[in-house]
Amino acid sequence: MKASDLKRVKEIEAENTKLKRMYAEMALEKQAIKDLLGKL
């Protein structure tokens, strides 16, 4: 594996981590909204 390949893998891993965090936040928000609407 070349150095450029390794750099690209690290970039993809960082983006993947960011996307996972975004998904987790959205899932929490969705659940909070569902909980809130369920109480109305």
C-alpha atoms as a PDB file:
ATOM      1  CA  MET A   1       0.000   0.000   0.000  1.00  0.00           C
ATOM      2  CA  LYS A   2       1.360   3.389  -0.995  1.00  0.00           C
ATOM      3  CA  ALA A   3       1.527   6.390   1.312  1.00  0.00           C
ATOM      4  CA  SER A   4      -1.203   8.100  -0.730  1.00  0.00           C
ATOM      5  CA  ASP A   5      -3.455   5.064  -0.259  1.00  0.00           C
ATOM      6  CA  LEU A   6      -2.871   5.135   3.478  1.00  0.00           C
ATOM      7  CA  LYS A   7      -3.707   8.848   3.590  1.00  0.00           C
ATOM      8  CA  ARG A   8      -6.943   8.214   1.684  1.00  0.00           C
ATOM      9  CA  VAL A   9      -7.922   5.392   4.046  1.00  0.00           C
ATOM     10  CA  LYS A  10      -7.388   7.695   7.028  1.00  0.00           C
ATOM     11  CA  GLU A  11      -9.521  10.397   5.372  1.00  0.00           C
ATOM     12  CA  ILE A  12     -12.316   7.904   4.716  1.00  0.00           C
ATOM     13  CA  GLU A  13     -12.142   6.621   8.299  1.00  0.00           C
ATOM     14  CA  ALA A  14     -12.407  10.189   9.633  1.00  0.00           C
ATOM     15  CA  GLU A  15     -15.400  10.885   7.397  1.00  0.00           C
ATOM     16  CA  ASN A  16     -17.011   7.607   8.472  1.00  0.00           C
ATOM     17  CA  THR A  17     -16.601   8.551  12.139  1.00  0.00           C
ATOM     18  CA  LYS A  18     -18.156  11.961  11.463  1.00  0.00           C
ATOM     19  CA  LEU A  19     -21.112  10.409   9.634  1.00  0.00           C
ATOM     20  CA  LYS A  20     -21.677   7.875  12.421  1.00  0.00           C
ATOM     21  CA  ARG A  21     -21.763  10.724  14.956  1.00  0.00           C
ATOM     22  CA  MET A  22     -24.239  12.654  12.787  1.00  0.00           C
ATOM     23  CA  TYR A  23     -26.445   9.563  12.482  1.00  0.00           C
ATOM     24  CA  ALA A  24     -26.389   9.004  16.249  1.00  0.00           C
ATOM     25  CA  GLU A  25     -27.400  12.625  16.888  1.00  0.00           C
ATOM     26  CA  MET A  26     -30.246  12.410  14.371  1.00  0.00           C
ATOM     27  CA  ALA A  27     -31.466   9.123  15.872  1.00  0.00           C
ATOM     28  CA  LEU A  28     -31.504  10.713  19.342  1.00  0.00           C
ATOM     29  CA  GLU A  29     -33.395  13.748  18.042  1.00  0.00           C
ATOM     30  CA  LYS A  30     -35.925  11.514  16.293  1.00  0.00           C
ATOM     31  CA  GLN A  31     -36.497   9.528  19.484  1.00  0.00           C
ATOM     32  CA  ALA A  32     -36.863  12.726  21.530  1.00  0.00           C
ATOM     33  CA  ILE A  33     -39.470  14.026  19.060  1.00  0.00           C
ATOM     34  CA  LYS A  34     -41.341  10.726  19.167  1.00  0.00           C
ATOM     35  CA  ASP A  35     -41.316  10.790  22.978  1.00  0.00           C
ATOM     36  CA  LEU A  36     -42.526  14.381  23.005  1.00  0.00           C
ATOM     37  CA  LEU A  37     -45.328  13.727  20.509  1.00  0.00           C
ATOM     38  CA  GLY A  38     -46.351  10.629  22.438  1.00  0.00           C
ATOM     39  CA  LYS A  39     -47.026  12.771  25.498  1.00  0.00           C
ATOM     40  CA  LEU A  40     -49.436  15.113  23.681  1.00  0.00           C
END
